[in-house]
């Protein structure tokens, strides 16, 4: 039985295994190399997508934006709906990785 837990705090990382199991060193199991970019917010920008590679490995930028736009255009559509739709679309596209999505609305979305 192998149990792997990770938190943002390095002190909270833990790896345990039953006797005889081979477990890769922690630095091989966890990769904390985020992709960071800086952009100016354009007046036409309506939302920001924060997502992990489980999304970006299977969907390109336009597909992700289109997914969120569809959810937000629905009556009562909100950031949560956009995040759920994008996560579901990534899964449907065959993502084999974890899928995490946060949608930040920058301005009211009017369709």
PDB file of N, CA and C in Angstrom:
ATOM      1  N   UNK A   1       0.850  -1.179   0.000  1.00  0.00           N
ATOM      2  CA  UNK A   1       0.000   0.000   0.000  1.00  0.00           C
ATOM      3  C   UNK A   1       0.887   1.229   0.000  1.00  0.00           C
ATOM      4  N   UNK A   2       0.676   2.094  -0.951  1.00  0.00           N
ATOM      5  CA  UNK A   2       1.446   3.326  -1.040  1.00  0.00           C
ATOM      6  C   UNK A   2       0.502   4.491  -0.820  1.00  0.00           C
ATOM      7  N   UNK A   3       0.880   5.371   0.064  1.00  0.00           N
ATOM      8  CA  UNK A   3       0.079   6.555   0.338  1.00  0.00           C
ATOM      9  C   UNK A   3       0.941   7.772   0.072  1.00  0.00           C
ATOM     10  N   UNK A   4       0.442   8.659  -0.746  1.00  0.00           N
ATOM     11  CA  UNK A   4       1.179   9.876  -1.061  1.00  0.00           C
ATOM     12  C   UNK A   4       0.274  11.058  -0.777  1.00  0.00           C
ATOM     13  N   UNK A   5       0.752  11.975   0.029  1.00  0.00           N
ATOM     14  CA  UNK A   5       0.009  13.186   0.332  1.00  0.00           C
ATOM     15  C   UNK A   5       0.930  14.368   0.084  1.00  0.00           C
ATOM     16  N   UNK A   6       0.384  15.432  -0.433  1.00  0.00           N
ATOM     17  CA  UNK A   6       1.186  16.632  -0.643  1.00  0.00           C
ATOM     18  C   UNK A   6       0.360  17.852  -0.292  1.00  0.00           C
ATOM     19  N   UNK A   7       0.995  18.799   0.309  1.00  0.00           N
ATOM     20  CA  UNK A   7       0.360  20.076   0.614  1.00  0.00           C
ATOM     21  C   UNK A   7       1.278  21.162   0.085  1.00  0.00           C
ATOM     22  N   UNK A   8       0.814  22.376   0.105  1.00  0.00           N
ATOM     23  CA  UNK A   8       1.651  23.452  -0.402  1.00  0.00           C
ATOM     24  C   UNK A   8       2.854  23.702   0.490  1.00  0.00           C
ATOM     25  N   UNK A   9       2.769  23.358   1.736  1.00  0.00           N
ATOM     26  CA  UNK A   9       3.879  23.535   2.659  1.00  0.00           C
ATOM     27  C   UNK A   9       4.792  22.314   2.579  1.00  0.00           C
ATOM     28  N   UNK A  10       6.059  22.527   2.298  1.00  0.00           N
ATOM     29  CA  UNK A  10       7.002  21.415   2.154  1.00  0.00           C
ATOM     30  C   UNK A  10       7.049  20.541   3.398  1.00  0.00           C
ATOM     31  N   UNK A  11       6.808  21.103   4.565  1.00  0.00           N
ATOM     32  CA  UNK A  11       6.838  20.317   5.792  1.00  0.00           C
ATOM     33  C   UNK A  11       5.670  19.346   5.885  1.00  0.00           C
ATOM     34  N   UNK A  12       4.629  19.559   5.111  1.00  0.00           N
ATOM     35  CA  UNK A  12       3.446  18.711   5.193  1.00  0.00           C
ATOM     36  C   UNK A  12       3.501  17.542   4.215  1.00  0.00           C
ATOM     37  N   UNK A  13       4.547  17.452   3.400  1.00  0.00           N
ATOM     38  CA  UNK A  13       4.645  16.374   2.425  1.00  0.00           C
ATOM     39  C   UNK A  13       5.017  15.075   3.132  1.00  0.00           C
ATOM     40  N   UNK A  14       4.363  14.011   2.712  1.00  0.00           N
ATOM     41  CA  UNK A  14       4.605  12.734   3.366  1.00  0.00           C
ATOM     42  C   UNK A  14       4.506  11.619   2.340  1.00  0.00           C
ATOM     43  N   UNK A  15       5.402  10.667   2.421  1.00  0.00           N
ATOM     44  CA  UNK A  15       5.321   9.477   1.596  1.00  0.00           C
ATOM     45  C   UNK A  15       5.534   8.290   2.510  1.00  0.00           C
ATOM     46  N   UNK A  16       4.638   7.319   2.431  1.00  0.00           N
ATOM     47  CA  UNK A  16       4.812   6.114   3.224  1.00  0.00           C
ATOM     48  C   UNK A  16       4.491   4.917   2.352  1.00  0.00           C
ATOM     49  N   UNK A  17       5.083   3.784   2.655  1.00  0.00           N
ATOM     50  CA  UNK A  17       4.839   2.576   1.877  1.00  0.00           C
ATOM     51  C   UNK A  17       4.973   1.371   2.787  1.00  0.00           C
ATOM     52  N   UNK A  18       4.278   0.299   2.419  1.00  0.00           N
ATOM     53  CA  UNK A  18       4.415  -0.918   3.198  1.00  0.00           C
ATOM     54  C   UNK A  18       5.817  -1.471   2.984  1.00  0.00           C
ATOM     55  N   UNK A  19       6.260  -2.310   3.888  1.00  0.00           N
ATOM     56  CA  UNK A  19       7.623  -2.835   3.832  1.00  0.00           C
ATOM     57  C   UNK A  19       7.877  -3.541   2.507  1.00  0.00           C
ATOM     58  N   UNK A  20       8.992  -3.253   1.896  1.00  0.00           N
ATOM     59  CA  UNK A  20       9.383  -3.892   0.654  1.00  0.00           C
ATOM     60  C   UNK A  20       8.924  -3.166  -0.599  1.00  0.00           C
ATOM     61  N   UNK A  21       8.009  -2.228  -0.467  1.00  0.00           N
ATOM     62  CA  UNK A  21       7.543  -1.492  -1.647  1.00  0.00           C
ATOM     63  C   UNK A  21       8.598  -0.475  -2.054  1.00  0.00           C
ATOM     64  N   UNK A  22       8.777  -0.327  -3.349  1.00  0.00           N
ATOM     65  CA  UNK A  22       9.725   0.662  -3.841  1.00  0.00           C
ATOM     66  C   UNK A  22       8.974   1.944  -4.167  1.00  0.00           C
ATOM     67  N   UNK A  23       9.409   3.035  -3.573  1.00  0.00           N
ATOM     68  CA  UNK A  23       8.790   4.333  -3.804  1.00  0.00           C
ATOM     69  C   UNK A  23       9.867   5.274  -4.312  1.00  0.00           C
ATOM     70  N   UNK A  24       9.556   5.969  -5.386  1.00  0.00           N
ATOM     71  CA  UNK A  24      10.507   6.933  -5.939  1.00  0.00           C
ATOM     72  C   UNK A  24      10.766   8.037  -4.923  1.00  0.00           C
ATOM     73  N   UNK A  25      11.943   8.643  -4.967  1.00  0.00           N
ATOM     74  CA  UNK A  25      12.211   9.783  -4.079  1.00  0.00           C
ATOM     75  C   UNK A  25      11.157  10.867  -4.273  1.00  0.00           C
ATOM     76  N   UNK A  26      10.879  11.593  -3.202  1.00  0.00           N
ATOM     77  CA  UNK A  26       9.820  12.596  -3.214  1.00  0.00           C
ATOM     78  C   UNK A  26       9.977  13.587  -4.358  1.00  0.00           C
ATOM     79  N   UNK A  27      11.216  14.010  -4.640  1.00  0.00           N
ATOM     80  CA  UNK A  27      11.414  14.997  -5.705  1.00  0.00           C
ATOM     81  C   UNK A  27      11.024  14.453  -7.078  1.00  0.00           C
ATOM     82  N   UNK A  28      10.935  13.120  -7.231  1.00  0.00           N
ATOM     83  CA  UNK A  28      10.489  12.539  -8.491  1.00  0.00           C
ATOM     84  C   UNK A  28       8.970  12.403  -8.540  1.00  0.00           C
ATOM     85  N   UNK A  29       8.320  12.386  -7.388  1.00  0.00           N
ATOM     86  CA  UNK A  29       6.866  12.241  -7.326  1.00  0.00           C
ATOM     87  C   UNK A  29       6.138  13.566  -7.466  1.00  0.00           C
ATOM     88  N   UNK A  30       6.742  14.623  -6.959  1.00  0.00           N
ATOM     89  CA  UNK A  30       6.093  15.927  -6.939  1.00  0.00           C
ATOM     90  C   UNK A  30       6.896  16.929  -7.750  1.00  0.00           C
ATOM     91  N   UNK A  31       6.209  17.656  -8.580  1.00  0.00           N
ATOM     92  CA  UNK A  31       6.857  18.688  -9.379  1.00  0.00           C
ATOM     93  C   UNK A  31       6.184  20.012  -9.070  1.00  0.00           C
ATOM     94  N   UNK A  32       6.920  20.919  -8.507  1.00  0.00           N
ATOM     95  CA  UNK A  32       6.367  22.225  -8.138  1.00  0.00           C
ATOM     96  C   UNK A  32       6.964  23.304  -9.033  1.00  0.00           C
ATOM     97  N   UNK A  33       6.807  23.135 -10.314  1.00  0.00           N
ATOM     98  CA  UNK A  33       7.328  24.083 -11.292  1.00  0.00           C
ATOM     99  C   UNK A  33       6.143  24.693 -12.044  1.00  0.00           C
ATOM    100  N   UNK A  34       5.469  25.670 -11.470  1.00  0.00           N
ATOM    101  CA  UNK A  34       4.303  26.240 -12.148  1.00  0.00           C
ATOM    102  C   UNK A  34       4.706  27.039 -13.384  1.00  0.00           C
ATOM    103  N   UNK A  35       3.801  27.098 -14.328  1.00  0.00           N
ATOM    104  CA  UNK A  35       3.977  27.970 -15.481  1.00  0.00           C
ATOM    105  C   UNK A  35       3.342  29.299 -15.116  1.00  0.00           C
ATOM    106  N   UNK A  36       4.126  30.344 -15.150  1.00  0.00           N
ATOM    107  CA  UNK A  36       3.638  31.660 -14.739  1.00  0.00           C
ATOM    108  C   UNK A  36       3.815  32.632 -15.899  1.00  0.00           C
ATOM    109  N   UNK A  37       2.784  33.398 -16.164  1.00  0.00           N
ATOM    110  CA  UNK A  37       2.893  34.441 -17.178  1.00  0.00           C
ATOM    111  C   UNK A  37       2.161  35.679 -16.681  1.00  0.00           C
ATOM    112  N   UNK A  38       2.548  36.805 -17.225  1.00  0.00           N
ATOM    113  CA  UNK A  38       1.949  38.076 -16.824  1.00  0.00           C
ATOM    114  C   UNK A  38       1.322  38.711 -18.055  1.00  0.00           C
ATOM    115  N   UNK A  39       0.082  39.137 -17.915  1.00  0.00           N
ATOM    116  CA  UNK A  39      -0.638  39.752 -19.028  1.00  0.00           C
ATOM    117  C   UNK A  39      -1.420  40.960 -18.529  1.00  0.00           C
ATOM    118  N   UNK A  40      -1.601  41.918 -19.394  1.00  0.00           N
ATOM    119  CA  UNK A  40      -2.480  43.054 -19.085  1.00  0.00           C
ATOM    120  C   UNK A  40      -3.918  42.614 -19.340  1.00  0.00           C
ATOM    121  N   UNK A  41      -4.813  43.056 -18.486  1.00  0.00           N
ATOM    122  CA  UNK A  41      -6.222  42.745 -18.683  1.00  0.00           C
ATOM    123  C   UNK A  41      -6.783  43.730 -19.698  1.00  0.00           C
ATOM    124  N   UNK A  42      -7.342  43.183 -20.743  1.00  0.00           N
ATOM    125  CA  UNK A  42      -7.929  43.972 -21.819  1.00  0.00           C
ATOM    126  C   UNK A  42      -9.377  44.308 -21.451  1.00  0.00           C
ATOM    127  N   UNK A  43      -9.904  45.433 -21.901  1.00  0.00           N
ATOM    128  CA  UNK A  43     -11.294  45.784 -21.581  1.00  0.00           C
ATOM    129  C   UNK A  43     -12.313  44.729 -22.025  1.00  0.00           C
ATOM    130  N   UNK A  44     -11.977  43.935 -23.032  1.00  0.00           N
ATOM    131  CA  UNK A  44     -12.894  42.891 -23.495  1.00  0.00           C
ATOM    132  C   UNK A  44     -12.792  41.600 -22.690  1.00  0.00           C
ATOM    133  N   UNK A  45     -11.758  41.451 -21.873  1.00  0.00           N
ATOM    134  CA  UNK A  45     -11.591  40.228 -21.083  1.00  0.00           C
ATOM    135  C   UNK A  45     -12.707  40.123 -20.057  1.00  0.00           C
ATOM    136  N   UNK A  46     -13.313  38.945 -19.977  1.00  0.00           N
ATOM    137  CA  UNK A  46     -14.438  38.746 -19.068  1.00  0.00           C
ATOM    138  C   UNK A  46     -14.112  37.789 -17.926  1.00  0.00           C
ATOM    139  N   UNK A  47     -13.178  36.872 -18.151  1.00  0.00           N
ATOM    140  CA  UNK A  47     -12.848  35.893 -17.114  1.00  0.00           C
ATOM    141  C   UNK A  47     -11.402  35.445 -17.262  1.00  0.00           C
ATOM    142  N   UNK A  48     -10.904  34.845 -16.202  1.00  0.00           N
ATOM    143  CA  UNK A  48      -9.549  34.305 -16.154  1.00  0.00           C
ATOM    144  C   UNK A  48      -9.667  32.830 -15.809  1.00  0.00           C
ATOM    145  N   UNK A  49      -8.966  31.991 -16.545  1.00  0.00           N
ATOM    146  CA  UNK A  49      -8.967  30.554 -16.273  1.00  0.00           C
ATOM    147  C   UNK A  49      -7.659  30.187 -15.591  1.00  0.00           C
ATOM    148  N   UNK A  50      -7.748  29.610 -14.423  1.00  0.00           N
ATOM    149  CA  UNK A  50      -6.597  29.032 -13.730  1.00  0.00           C
ATOM    150  C   UNK A  50      -6.830  27.527 -13.733  1.00  0.00           C
ATOM    151  N   UNK A  51      -5.946  26.789 -14.381  1.00  0.00           N
ATOM    152  CA  UNK A  51      -6.155  25.349 -14.495  1.00  0.00           C
ATOM    153  C   UNK A  51      -4.819  24.625 -14.518  1.00  0.00           C
ATOM    154  N   UNK A  52      -4.847  23.378 -14.127  1.00  0.00           N
ATOM    155  CA  UNK A  52      -3.622  22.576 -14.108  1.00  0.00           C
ATOM    156  C   UNK A  52      -3.429  21.877 -15.453  1.00  0.00           C
ATOM    157  N   UNK A  53      -2.340  21.146 -15.567  1.00  0.00           N
ATOM    158  CA  UNK A  53      -2.007  20.500 -16.833  1.00  0.00           C
ATOM    159  C   UNK A  53      -3.003  19.422 -17.225  1.00  0.00           C
ATOM    160  N   UNK A  54      -3.825  18.961 -16.299  1.00  0.00           N
ATOM    161  CA  UNK A  54      -4.878  18.018 -16.651  1.00  0.00           C
ATOM    162  C   UNK A  54      -5.869  18.614 -17.635  1.00  0.00           C
ATOM    163  N   UNK A  55      -5.950  19.924 -17.670  1.00  0.00           N
ATOM    164  CA  UNK A  55      -6.781  20.634 -18.652  1.00  0.00           C
ATOM    165  C   UNK A  55      -5.951  20.973 -19.884  1.00  0.00           C
ATOM    166  N   UNK A  56      -4.805  21.620 -19.673  1.00  0.00           N
ATOM    167  CA  UNK A  56      -4.018  22.153 -20.794  1.00  0.00           C
ATOM    168  C   UNK A  56      -3.362  21.064 -21.637  1.00  0.00           C
ATOM    169  N   UNK A  57      -3.228  19.850 -21.103  1.00  0.00           N
ATOM    170  CA  UNK A  57      -2.667  18.754 -21.905  1.00  0.00           C
ATOM    171  C   UNK A  57      -3.639  18.280 -22.983  1.00  0.00           C
ATOM    172  N   UNK A  58      -4.947  18.533 -22.802  1.00  0.00           N
ATOM    173  CA  UNK A  58      -5.931  18.012 -23.752  1.00  0.00           C
ATOM    174  C   UNK A  58      -6.753  19.091 -24.456  1.00  0.00           C
ATOM    175  N   UNK A  59      -6.739  20.317 -23.950  1.00  0.00           N
ATOM    176  CA  UNK A  59      -7.494  21.411 -24.562  1.00  0.00           C
ATOM    177  C   UNK A  59      -6.568  22.594 -24.816  1.00  0.00           C
ATOM    178  N   UNK A  60      -6.751  23.254 -25.950  1.00  0.00           N
ATOM    179  CA  UNK A  60      -5.960  24.458 -26.188  1.00  0.00           C
ATOM    180  C   UNK A  60      -6.685  25.668 -25.590  1.00  0.00           C
ATOM    181  N   UNK A  61      -6.048  26.823 -25.662  1.00  0.00           N
ATOM    182  CA  UNK A  61      -6.614  28.035 -25.052  1.00  0.00           C
ATOM    183  C   UNK A  61      -8.019  28.340 -25.568  1.00  0.00           C
ATOM    184  N   UNK A  62      -8.198  28.251 -26.887  1.00  0.00           N
ATOM    185  CA  UNK A  62      -9.496  28.597 -27.474  1.00  0.00           C
ATOM    186  C   UNK A  62     -10.579  27.616 -27.040  1.00  0.00           C
ATOM    187  N   UNK A  63     -10.252  26.322 -27.011  1.00  0.00           N
ATOM    188  CA  UNK A  63     -11.231  25.324 -26.571  1.00  0.00           C
ATOM    189  C   UNK A  63     -11.645  25.574 -25.126  1.00  0.00           C
ATOM    190  N   UNK A  64     -10.685  25.911 -24.284  1.00  0.00           N
ATOM    191  CA  UNK A  64     -10.991  26.177 -22.873  1.00  0.00           C
ATOM    192  C   UNK A  64     -11.885  27.406 -22.747  1.00  0.00           C
ATOM    193  N   UNK A  65     -11.551  28.468 -23.466  1.00  0.00           N
ATOM    194  CA  UNK A  65     -12.377  29.686 -23.422  1.00  0.00           C
ATOM    195  C   UNK A  65     -13.781  29.417 -23.938  1.00  0.00           C
ATOM    196  N   UNK A  66     -13.886  28.676 -25.032  1.00  0.00           N
ATOM    197  CA  UNK A  66     -15.202  28.358 -25.588  1.00  0.00           C
ATOM    198  C   UNK A  66     -16.036  27.555 -24.597  1.00  0.00           C
ATOM    199  N   UNK A  67     -15.406  26.620 -23.908  1.00  0.00           N
ATOM    200  CA  UNK A  67     -16.105  25.814 -22.909  1.00  0.00           C
ATOM    201  C   UNK A  67     -16.689  26.690 -21.809  1.00  0.00           C
ATOM    202  N   UNK A  68     -15.875  27.593 -21.294  1.00  0.00           N
ATOM    203  CA  UNK A  68     -16.328  28.482 -20.220  1.00  0.00           C
ATOM    204  C   UNK A  68     -17.412  29.428 -20.732  1.00  0.00           C
ATOM    205  N   UNK A  69     -17.238  29.954 -21.941  1.00  0.00           N
ATOM    206  CA  UNK A  69     -18.238  30.865 -22.514  1.00  0.00           C
ATOM    207  C   UNK A  69     -19.604  30.196 -22.615  1.00  0.00           C
ATOM    208  N   UNK A  70     -19.634  28.936 -23.030  1.00  0.00           N
ATOM    209  CA  UNK A  70     -20.899  28.207 -23.146  1.00  0.00           C
ATOM    210  C   UNK A  70     -21.587  28.133 -21.787  1.00  0.00           C
ATOM    211  N   UNK A  71     -20.835  27.799 -20.758  1.00  0.00           N
ATOM    212  CA  UNK A  71     -21.422  27.685 -19.415  1.00  0.00           C
ATOM    213  C   UNK A  71     -21.906  29.035 -18.903  1.00  0.00           C
ATOM    214  N   UNK A  72     -21.125  30.076 -19.132  1.00  0.00           N
ATOM    215  CA  UNK A  72     -21.507  31.400 -18.636  1.00  0.00           C
ATOM    216  C   UNK A  72     -22.698  31.983 -19.392  1.00  0.00           C
ATOM    217  N   UNK A  73     -22.886  31.563 -20.640  1.00  0.00           N
ATOM    218  CA  UNK A  73     -23.988  32.084 -21.446  1.00  0.00           C
ATOM    219  C   UNK A  73     -25.338  31.484 -21.042  1.00  0.00           C
ATOM    220  N   UNK A  74     -25.309  30.374 -20.308  1.00  0.00           N
ATOM    221  CA  UNK A  74     -26.554  29.760 -19.846  1.00  0.00           C
ATOM    222  C   UNK A  74     -27.219  30.665 -18.829  1.00  0.00           C
ATOM    223  N   UNK A  75     -28.528  30.615 -18.756  1.00  0.00           N
ATOM    224  CA  UNK A  75     -29.256  31.437 -17.788  1.00  0.00           C
ATOM    225  C   UNK A  75     -28.737  31.127 -16.386  1.00  0.00           C
ATOM    226  N   UNK A  76     -28.319  32.160 -15.697  1.00  0.00           N
ATOM    227  CA  UNK A  76     -27.794  31.977 -14.344  1.00  0.00           C
ATOM    228  C   UNK A  76     -26.380  31.434 -14.297  1.00  0.00           C
ATOM    229  N   UNK A  77     -25.712  31.348 -15.463  1.00  0.00           N
ATOM    230  CA  UNK A  77     -24.360  30.811 -15.508  1.00  0.00           C
ATOM    231  C   UNK A  77     -23.414  31.612 -14.624  1.00  0.00           C
ATOM    232  N   UNK A  78     -22.582  30.910 -13.866  1.00  0.00           N
ATOM    233  CA  UNK A  78     -21.653  31.575 -12.954  1.00  0.00           C
ATOM    234  C   UNK A  78     -20.275  30.935 -13.083  1.00  0.00           C
ATOM    235  N   UNK A  79     -19.318  31.444 -12.336  1.00  0.00           N
ATOM    236  CA  UNK A  79     -17.943  30.940 -12.397  1.00  0.00           C
ATOM    237  C   UNK A  79     -17.878  29.449 -12.078  1.00  0.00           C
ATOM    238  N   UNK A  80     -18.672  29.004 -11.118  1.00  0.00           N
ATOM    239  CA  UNK A  80     -18.676  27.580 -10.752  1.00  0.00           C
ATOM    240  C   UNK A  80     -19.130  26.735 -11.941  1.00  0.00           C
ATOM    241  N   UNK A  81     -20.160  27.196 -12.642  1.00  0.00           N
ATOM    242  CA  UNK A  81     -20.636  26.466 -13.822  1.00  0.00           C
ATOM    243  C   UNK A  81     -19.543  26.388 -14.887  1.00  0.00           C
ATOM    244  N   UNK A  82     -18.822  27.487 -15.081  1.00  0.00           N
ATOM    245  CA  UNK A  82     -17.734  27.500 -16.052  1.00  0.00           C
ATOM    246  C   UNK A  82     -16.626  26.531 -15.677  1.00  0.00           C
ATOM    247  N   UNK A  83     -16.279  26.500 -14.404  1.00  0.00           N
ATOM    248  CA  UNK A  83     -15.226  25.590 -13.934  1.00  0.00           C
ATOM    249  C   UNK A  83     -15.649  24.135 -14.092  1.00  0.00           C
ATOM    250  N   UNK A  84     -16.893  23.831 -13.737  1.00  0.00           N
ATOM    251  CA  UNK A  84     -17.387  22.452 -13.869  1.00  0.00           C
ATOM    252  C   UNK A  84     -17.405  22.014 -15.327  1.00  0.00           C
ATOM    253  N   UNK A  85     -17.881  22.888 -16.211  1.00  0.00           N
ATOM    254  CA  UNK A  85     -17.941  22.525 -17.631  1.00  0.00           C
ATOM    255  C   UNK A  85     -16.545  22.302 -18.189  1.00  0.00           C
ATOM    256  N   UNK A  86     -15.618  23.179 -17.850  1.00  0.00           N
ATOM    257  CA  UNK A  86     -14.255  23.022 -18.361  1.00  0.00           C
ATOM    258  C   UNK A  86     -13.624  21.734 -17.837  1.00  0.00           C
ATOM    259  N   UNK A  87     -13.813  21.433 -16.567  1.00  0.00           N
ATOM    260  CA  UNK A  87     -13.278  20.186 -16.006  1.00  0.00           C
ATOM    261  C   UNK A  87     -13.901  18.975 -16.695  1.00  0.00           C
ATOM    262  N   UNK A  88     -15.207  18.999 -16.905  1.00  0.00           N
ATOM    263  CA  UNK A  88     -15.880  17.891 -17.592  1.00  0.00           C
ATOM    264  C   UNK A  88     -15.406  17.754 -19.032  1.00  0.00           C
ATOM    265  N   UNK A  89     -15.196  18.875 -19.711  1.00  0.00           N
ATOM    266  CA  UNK A  89     -14.714  18.829 -21.091  1.00  0.00           C
ATOM    267  C   UNK A  89     -13.294  18.266 -21.161  1.00  0.00           C
ATOM    268  N   UNK A  90     -12.453  18.613 -20.202  1.00  0.00           N
ATOM    269  CA  UNK A  90     -11.091  18.064 -20.170  1.00  0.00           C
ATOM    270  C   UNK A  90     -11.134  16.553 -19.956  1.00  0.00           C
ATOM    271  N   UNK A  91     -12.006  16.111 -19.062  1.00  0.00           N
ATOM    272  CA  UNK A  91     -12.156  14.671 -18.811  1.00  0.00           C
ATOM    273  C   UNK A  91     -12.659  13.967 -20.077  1.00  0.00           C
ATOM    274  N   UNK A  92     -13.666  14.561 -20.721  1.00  0.00           N
ATOM    275  CA  UNK A  92     -14.227  13.984 -21.945  1.00  0.00           C
ATOM    276  C   UNK A  92     -13.201  13.949 -23.076  1.00  0.00           C
ATOM    277  N   UNK A  93     -12.257  14.885 -23.054  1.00  0.00           N
ATOM    278  CA  UNK A  93     -11.210  14.932 -24.083  1.00  0.00           C
ATOM    279  C   UNK A  93     -10.106  13.911 -23.820  1.00  0.00           C
ATOM    280  N   UNK A  94     -10.221  13.178 -22.712  1.00  0.00           N
ATOM    281  CA  UNK A  94      -9.274  12.103 -22.447  1.00  0.00           C
ATOM    282  C   UNK A  94      -8.177  12.411 -21.456  1.00  0.00           C
ATOM    283  N   UNK A  95      -8.331  13.448 -20.653  1.00  0.00           N
ATOM    284  CA  UNK A  95      -7.293  13.763 -19.672  1.00  0.00           C
ATOM    285  C   UNK A  95      -7.096  12.594 -18.716  1.00  0.00           C
ATOM    286  N   UNK A  96      -5.849  12.227 -18.505  1.00  0.00           N
ATOM    287  CA  UNK A  96      -5.507  11.145 -17.585  1.00  0.00           C
ATOM    288  C   UNK A  96      -4.859  11.683 -16.317  1.00  0.00           C
ATOM    289  N   UNK A  97      -4.799  12.995 -16.191  1.00  0.00           N
ATOM    290  CA  UNK A  97      -4.149  13.656 -15.064  1.00  0.00           C
ATOM    291  C   UNK A  97      -5.230  14.211 -14.140  1.00  0.00           C
ATOM    292  N   UNK A  98      -4.806  14.721 -12.991  1.00  0.00           N
ATOM    293  CA  UNK A  98      -5.777  15.408 -12.141  1.00  0.00           C
ATOM    294  C   UNK A  98      -6.268  16.649 -12.878  1.00  0.00           C
ATOM    295  N   UNK A  99      -7.487  17.055 -12.573  1.00  0.00           N
ATOM    296  CA  UNK A  99      -8.094  18.198 -13.259  1.00  0.00           C
ATOM    297  C   UNK A  99      -8.556  19.192 -12.206  1.00  0.00           C
ATOM    298  N   UNK A 100      -7.930  20.363 -12.207  1.00  0.00           N
ATOM    299  CA  UNK A 100      -8.299  21.435 -11.278  1.00  0.00           C
ATOM    300  C   UNK A 100      -8.554  22.696 -12.082  1.00  0.00           C
ATOM    301  N   UNK A 101      -9.677  23.367 -11.780  1.00  0.00           N
ATOM    302  CA  UNK A 101     -10.051  24.566 -12.527  1.00  0.00           C
ATOM    303  C   UNK A 101     -10.617  25.611 -11.578  1.00  0.00           C
ATOM    304  N   UNK A 102     -10.200  26.850 -11.764  1.00  0.00           N
ATOM    305  CA  UNK A 102     -10.790  27.999 -11.076  1.00  0.00           C
ATOM    306  C   UNK A 102     -11.091  29.035 -12.152  1.00  0.00           C
ATOM    307  N   UNK A 103     -12.298  29.565 -12.134  1.00  0.00           N
ATOM    308  CA  UNK A 103     -12.665  30.638 -13.052  1.00  0.00           C
ATOM    309  C   UNK A 103     -12.859  31.901 -12.227  1.00  0.00           C
ATOM    310  N   UNK A 104     -12.143  32.951 -12.589  1.00  0.00           N
ATOM    311  CA  UNK A 104     -12.302  34.250 -11.923  1.00  0.00           C
ATOM    312  C   UNK A 104     -13.009  35.182 -12.898  1.00  0.00           C
ATOM    313  N   UNK A 105     -14.208  35.627 -12.527  1.00  0.00           N
ATOM    314  CA  UNK A 105     -14.939  36.567 -13.377  1.00  0.00           C
ATOM    315  C   UNK A 105     -14.356  37.956 -13.179  1.00  0.00           C
ATOM    316  N   UNK A 106     -13.949  38.581 -14.267  1.00  0.00           N
ATOM    317  CA  UNK A 106     -13.358  39.913 -14.209  1.00  0.00           C
ATOM    318  C   UNK A 106     -14.409  41.000 -14.368  1.00  0.00           C
ATOM    319  N   UNK A 107     -15.444  40.682 -15.124  1.00  0.00           N
ATOM    320  CA  UNK A 107     -16.543  41.610 -15.379  1.00  0.00           C
ATOM    321  C   UNK A 107     -17.812  40.786 -15.499  1.00  0.00           C
ATOM    322  N   UNK A 108     -18.952  41.395 -15.292  1.00  0.00           N
ATOM    323  CA  UNK A 108     -20.198  40.635 -15.482  1.00  0.00           C
ATOM    324  C   UNK A 108     -20.243  40.044 -16.890  1.00  0.00           C
ATOM    325  N   UNK A 109     -20.634  38.787 -16.968  1.00  0.00           N
ATOM    326  CA  UNK A 109     -20.697  38.126 -18.271  1.00  0.00           C
ATOM    327  C   UNK A 109     -22.103  38.255 -18.824  1.00  0.00           C
ATOM    328  N   UNK A 110     -22.214  38.868 -19.975  1.00  0.00           N
ATOM    329  CA  UNK A 110     -23.525  39.117 -20.570  1.00  0.00           C
ATOM    330  C   UNK A 110     -23.752  38.297 -21.835  1.00  0.00           C
ATOM    331  N   UNK A 111     -22.903  37.300 -22.058  1.00  0.00           N
ATOM    332  CA  UNK A 111     -23.075  36.439 -23.222  1.00  0.00           C
ATOM    333  C   UNK A 111     -22.269  36.850 -24.413  1.00  0.00           C
TER     334      UNK A 111
END
